[in-house]
Protein backbone atom coordinates (compact mmCIF):
# COMPACT_ATOMS: atom_id res chain seq x y z
CA MET A 1 95.34 92.48 105.60
CA ILE A 2 92.76 94.67 107.20
CA VAL A 3 91.31 95.53 103.79
CA ARG A 4 89.98 91.99 103.39
CA LYS A 5 88.49 92.08 106.87
CA LEU A 6 86.83 95.44 106.27
CA ARG A 7 85.55 94.31 102.88
CA LEU A 8 84.03 91.15 104.31
CA GLU A 9 82.43 93.08 107.19
CA LYS A 10 80.63 95.17 104.55
CA GLY A 11 79.65 92.01 102.68
CA TRP A 12 81.36 93.18 99.50
CA SER A 13 83.09 91.11 96.87
CA GLN A 14 86.49 92.18 95.57
CA GLU A 15 84.75 93.32 92.41
CA GLN A 16 82.34 95.51 94.38
CA LEU A 17 85.16 97.06 96.41
CA ALA A 18 87.10 97.73 93.22
CA GLU A 19 84.12 99.49 91.67
CA ILE A 20 83.36 101.56 94.77
CA SER A 21 87.00 102.54 95.35
CA GLY A 22 87.93 103.14 91.73
CA LEU A 23 90.74 100.59 91.97
CA SER A 24 91.16 97.51 89.82
CA VAL A 25 90.20 94.07 91.06
CA ARG A 26 93.84 93.06 90.59
CA THR A 27 94.96 95.88 92.89
CA ILE A 28 92.48 94.76 95.55
CA GLN A 29 93.75 91.18 95.24
CA ARG A 30 97.36 92.26 95.59
CA ILE A 31 96.65 94.40 98.63
CA GLU A 32 94.70 91.60 100.30
CA ARG A 33 97.65 89.26 99.71
CA GLY A 34 99.96 91.64 101.53
CA GLN A 35 101.54 93.70 98.77
CA ASN A 36 102.23 97.27 99.84
CA PRO A 37 99.55 99.58 98.44
CA SER A 38 100.41 102.94 96.96
CA LEU A 39 99.44 106.09 98.83
CA GLU A 40 96.72 106.74 96.24
CA SER A 41 95.26 103.27 96.77
CA LEU A 42 95.36 103.79 100.53
CA LYS A 43 93.54 107.11 100.16
CA SER A 44 90.82 105.49 98.05
CA LEU A 45 90.35 102.62 100.47
CA ALA A 46 90.39 104.89 103.52
CA ALA A 47 87.63 106.99 101.96
CA VAL A 48 85.53 103.93 101.16
CA PHE A 49 85.93 102.42 104.63
CA GLU A 50 85.64 105.81 106.36
CA THR A 51 88.92 105.42 108.19
CA GLU A 52 92.28 107.14 108.29
CA VAL A 53 95.03 106.43 105.77
CA SER A 54 97.43 106.07 108.70
CA GLU A 55 95.38 103.21 110.13
CA LEU A 56 95.48 101.28 106.87
CA LYS A 57 99.16 102.09 106.37
CA MET A 58 100.08 100.93 109.88
CA GLU A 59 98.32 97.64 109.24
CA ALA A 60 100.26 97.20 105.98
CA VAL A 61 103.57 97.81 107.75
CA MET A 62 102.72 95.43 110.60
CA SER A 63 101.64 92.77 108.11
CA ASN A 64 104.96 92.96 106.28
CA GLN A 65 106.93 92.79 109.52
CA ALA A 66 105.09 89.61 110.48
CA LYS A 67 106.34 87.81 107.38
CA ILE A 68 109.31 85.53 107.80
CA SER A 69 111.96 84.71 105.25
CA VAL A 70 112.24 81.36 103.50
CA GLU A 71 115.40 80.65 105.51
CA GLU A 72 113.61 81.35 108.79
CA GLU A 73 110.72 79.11 107.79
CA GLN A 74 113.15 76.30 106.86
CA ALA A 75 114.92 76.69 110.21
CA ILE A 76 111.61 76.47 112.06
CA ILE A 77 110.68 73.28 110.17
CA TYR A 78 114.14 71.80 110.83
CA VAL A 79 113.92 72.46 114.58
CA ARG A 80 110.33 71.17 114.71
CA ASP A 81 111.46 67.92 113.04
CA ILE A 82 114.28 67.49 115.55
CA LEU A 83 111.91 68.07 118.46
CA LEU A 84 109.43 65.56 117.07
CA ARG A 85 112.17 62.93 116.67
CA MET A 86 113.37 63.56 120.22
CA ALA A 87 109.83 63.21 121.56
CA ASN A 88 109.48 59.83 119.85
CA LEU A 89 112.61 58.37 121.48
């Protein structure tokens, strides 16, 4: 998520971001792994990074939309295997 990118651009560790934002390290970890942050967490992070809540929220929504289901991932692997077998014939 964009939070990790912004944090790294500032050269901060997760612990430093947690301290500056008033959030827990665990919350920072969850957000960076793609879990939807609460509005309060978004407000804290937006203030720290001097950006709009809407920008962080949009990134969170787009990140979740980019995820694929287990079934979709299995289908992709299945088709990839078939294509590889066909290419080796």
